[in-house]
Amino acid sequence: MNYIRKEDNWKAYMVIGIIIGLIIGIYFTFFFYYGCSDLSCYQAHQKDCAKTKFVKDGEDTTWKYTVMGRTDGKCSVNVEVLDVKKGSADKKILIGKDMDCLLPLGSLVAPESDISRCNGILKEEMQTLIIKKLHAYIVENVQDIGGELEGIGEI
């Protein structure tokens, strides 16, 4: 029979320890996100661009923020709409859509406050809603707008 000598046990323990250390390191590097339950916690993590998940339950919309980490000297934040509570029925198309936003490092602003820094299907749908709303406003007020524009060429 082949027995493991007691002197060789430390090698087996060392290999097992290294494997466990690698698994823990990989988990915290790639898969672990802090979970915040309030806005101040989230803002502190966003400011440091630390991987974080947070659900912001606003009056009109419920947002899910996921700070992904640093990308090209900026902080990458994924923004998803979980629920739309107020507003027109066509805003419901935003539910489940997301976008990725690149914020300046140290920023505390809500990522969706400046969609020019974002890209993704949520941004496109938000822009479509804005254009539809603007078009409806122009159609409703075309005569008022026309009257205001008279004489503009005489400047």
Protein backbone atom coordinates (compact mmCIF):
# COMPACT_ATOMS: atom_id res chain seq x y z
CA MET A 1 0.00 0.00 0.00
CA ASN A 2 1.06 3.48 -0.75
CA TYR A 3 0.77 5.83 2.23
CA ILE A 4 1.11 9.60 2.23
CA ARG A 5 3.89 10.59 4.52
CA LYS A 6 3.07 13.15 7.19
CA GLU A 7 5.83 15.37 5.84
CA ASP A 8 3.96 15.64 2.50
CA ASN A 9 0.63 16.74 4.08
CA TRP A 10 1.67 20.39 4.13
CA LYS A 11 2.01 20.32 0.31
CA ALA A 12 -1.57 19.09 -0.09
CA TYR A 13 -2.83 21.72 2.38
CA MET A 14 -0.87 24.41 0.52
CA VAL A 15 -2.39 23.43 -2.85
CA ILE A 16 -5.90 23.36 -1.37
CA GLY A 17 -5.30 26.77 0.28
CA ILE A 18 -4.08 28.29 -2.99
CA ILE A 19 -7.11 26.95 -4.89
CA ILE A 20 -9.51 28.31 -2.25
CA GLY A 21 -7.68 31.66 -2.31
CA LEU A 22 -7.97 31.84 -6.12
CA ILE A 23 -11.70 31.04 -6.02
CA ILE A 24 -12.32 33.74 -3.41
CA GLY A 25 -10.18 36.25 -5.34
CA ILE A 26 -12.03 35.56 -8.61
CA TYR A 27 -15.41 35.90 -6.89
CA PHE A 28 -14.61 39.27 -5.32
CA THR A 29 -12.95 40.57 -8.49
CA PHE A 30 -15.62 39.63 -11.03
CA PHE A 31 -18.88 38.65 -9.34
CA PHE A 32 -19.27 40.50 -6.03
CA TYR A 33 -21.33 43.71 -5.86
CA TYR A 34 -22.09 45.72 -2.73
CA GLY A 35 -25.80 46.03 -2.03
CA CYS A 36 -27.05 49.42 -0.89
CA SER A 37 -30.43 50.05 0.71
CA ASP A 38 -30.31 53.86 0.73
CA LEU A 39 -29.26 56.65 -1.60
CA SER A 40 -26.36 57.91 0.52
CA CYS A 41 -24.74 54.46 0.52
CA TYR A 42 -25.15 54.22 -3.25
CA GLN A 43 -23.74 57.72 -3.85
CA ALA A 44 -20.68 56.95 -1.74
CA HIS A 45 -20.01 53.83 -3.81
CA GLN A 46 -20.75 55.62 -7.10
CA LYS A 47 -18.32 58.39 -6.12
CA ASP A 48 -15.60 55.75 -5.61
CA CYS A 49 -16.85 53.76 -8.64
CA ALA A 50 -17.05 50.60 -6.51
CA LYS A 51 -19.18 47.75 -7.85
CA THR A 52 -22.61 48.29 -6.34
CA LYS A 53 -26.28 47.47 -6.90
CA PHE A 54 -29.06 49.79 -5.76
CA VAL A 55 -32.79 50.13 -6.43
CA LYS A 56 -34.01 53.73 -6.33
CA ASP A 57 -37.75 53.86 -5.75
CA GLY A 58 -38.70 57.32 -7.04
CA GLU A 59 -42.14 58.94 -7.27
CA ASP A 60 -42.57 58.28 -10.99
CA THR A 61 -40.10 55.49 -11.75
CA THR A 62 -38.23 52.69 -10.01
CA TRP A 63 -34.63 52.54 -11.24
CA LYS A 64 -32.01 49.83 -10.75
CA TYR A 65 -28.41 51.09 -10.77
CA THR A 66 -25.45 48.75 -11.13
CA VAL A 67 -22.02 50.36 -10.88
CA MET A 68 -19.90 48.15 -13.12
CA GLY A 69 -16.50 49.73 -12.40
CA ARG A 70 -14.01 51.94 -14.21
CA THR A 71 -13.90 52.10 -18.02
CA ASP A 72 -11.58 54.44 -19.94
CA GLY A 73 -11.14 56.78 -16.96
CA LYS A 74 -14.88 57.01 -16.30
CA CYS A 75 -17.34 55.18 -14.06
CA SER A 76 -19.59 52.74 -15.93
CA VAL A 77 -23.13 52.48 -14.53
CA ASN A 78 -25.89 50.27 -15.92
CA VAL A 79 -29.37 51.78 -15.48
CA GLU A 80 -32.59 49.75 -15.79
CA VAL A 81 -36.22 50.79 -15.41
CA LEU A 82 -38.00 48.32 -13.12
CA ASP A 83 -41.37 50.09 -12.90
CA VAL A 84 -43.17 53.20 -14.16
CA LYS A 85 -45.72 54.44 -11.62
CA LYS A 86 -46.86 57.77 -13.09
CA GLY A 87 -47.15 59.28 -16.51
CA SER A 88 -48.69 58.31 -19.80
CA ALA A 89 -49.32 54.70 -20.73
CA ASP A 90 -46.68 54.76 -23.46
CA LYS A 91 -43.98 55.12 -20.75
CA LYS A 92 -44.64 51.48 -19.83
CA ILE A 93 -42.46 50.45 -22.80
CA LEU A 94 -39.45 51.55 -20.73
CA ILE A 95 -39.94 48.76 -18.19
CA GLY A 96 -37.18 46.17 -18.43
CA LYS A 97 -35.03 48.31 -20.74
CA ASP A 98 -31.51 49.35 -19.76
CA MET A 99 -28.62 51.56 -20.81
CA ASP A 100 -24.97 51.95 -19.89
CA CYS A 101 -23.77 55.39 -18.76
CA LEU A 102 -20.19 56.65 -18.44
CA LEU A 103 -19.99 59.20 -15.63
CA PRO A 104 -16.99 61.28 -14.57
CA LEU A 105 -15.13 59.72 -11.65
CA GLY A 106 -16.31 61.20 -8.36
CA SER A 107 -19.71 62.15 -9.79
CA LEU A 108 -22.79 62.03 -7.56
CA VAL A 109 -25.45 62.81 -10.20
CA ALA A 110 -28.13 60.31 -11.14
CA PRO A 111 -26.96 58.53 -14.31
CA GLU A 112 -30.28 59.07 -16.13
CA SER A 113 -30.15 62.84 -15.55
CA ASP A 114 -27.88 63.30 -18.61
CA ILE A 115 -28.67 60.64 -21.19
CA SER A 116 -26.07 62.08 -23.58
CA ARG A 117 -23.52 60.11 -21.51
CA CYS A 118 -25.45 56.86 -22.04
CA ASN A 119 -26.07 54.32 -24.76
CA GLY A 120 -28.49 51.43 -25.05
CA ILE A 121 -32.11 50.59 -25.79
CA LEU A 122 -33.44 52.55 -22.78
CA LYS A 123 -31.83 55.75 -24.10
CA GLU A 124 -33.33 55.15 -27.54
CA GLU A 125 -36.81 54.56 -26.10
CA MET A 126 -36.56 57.65 -23.88
CA GLN A 127 -35.55 59.76 -26.88
CA THR A 128 -38.45 58.34 -28.89
CA LEU A 129 -40.89 59.34 -26.14
CA ILE A 130 -39.40 62.85 -26.00
CA ILE A 131 -39.74 63.24 -29.78
CA LYS A 132 -43.36 62.01 -29.72
CA LYS A 133 -44.21 64.43 -26.90
CA LEU A 134 -42.53 67.32 -28.74
CA HIS A 135 -44.34 66.43 -31.97
CA ALA A 136 -47.71 66.37 -30.18
CA TYR A 137 -46.94 69.76 -28.59
CA ILE A 138 -46.04 71.30 -31.96
CA VAL A 139 -49.19 69.92 -33.64
CA GLU A 140 -51.38 71.26 -30.80
CA ASN A 141 -49.76 74.69 -30.84
CA VAL A 142 -48.86 75.15 -34.52
CA GLN A 143 -50.86 78.37 -34.87
CA ASP A 144 -49.35 79.92 -31.72
CA ILE A 145 -45.86 78.94 -32.82
CA GLY A 146 -46.49 80.31 -36.32
CA GLY A 147 -47.61 83.65 -34.90
CA GLU A 148 -44.50 83.89 -32.74
CA LEU A 149 -42.24 83.17 -35.70
CA GLU A 150 -43.75 85.92 -37.91
CA GLY A 151 -41.28 88.70 -38.44
CA ILE A 152 -38.30 86.65 -37.30
CA GLY A 153 -36.66 87.20 -40.68
CA GLU A 154 -36.78 90.97 -40.18
CA ILE A 155 -34.10 90.98 -37.51
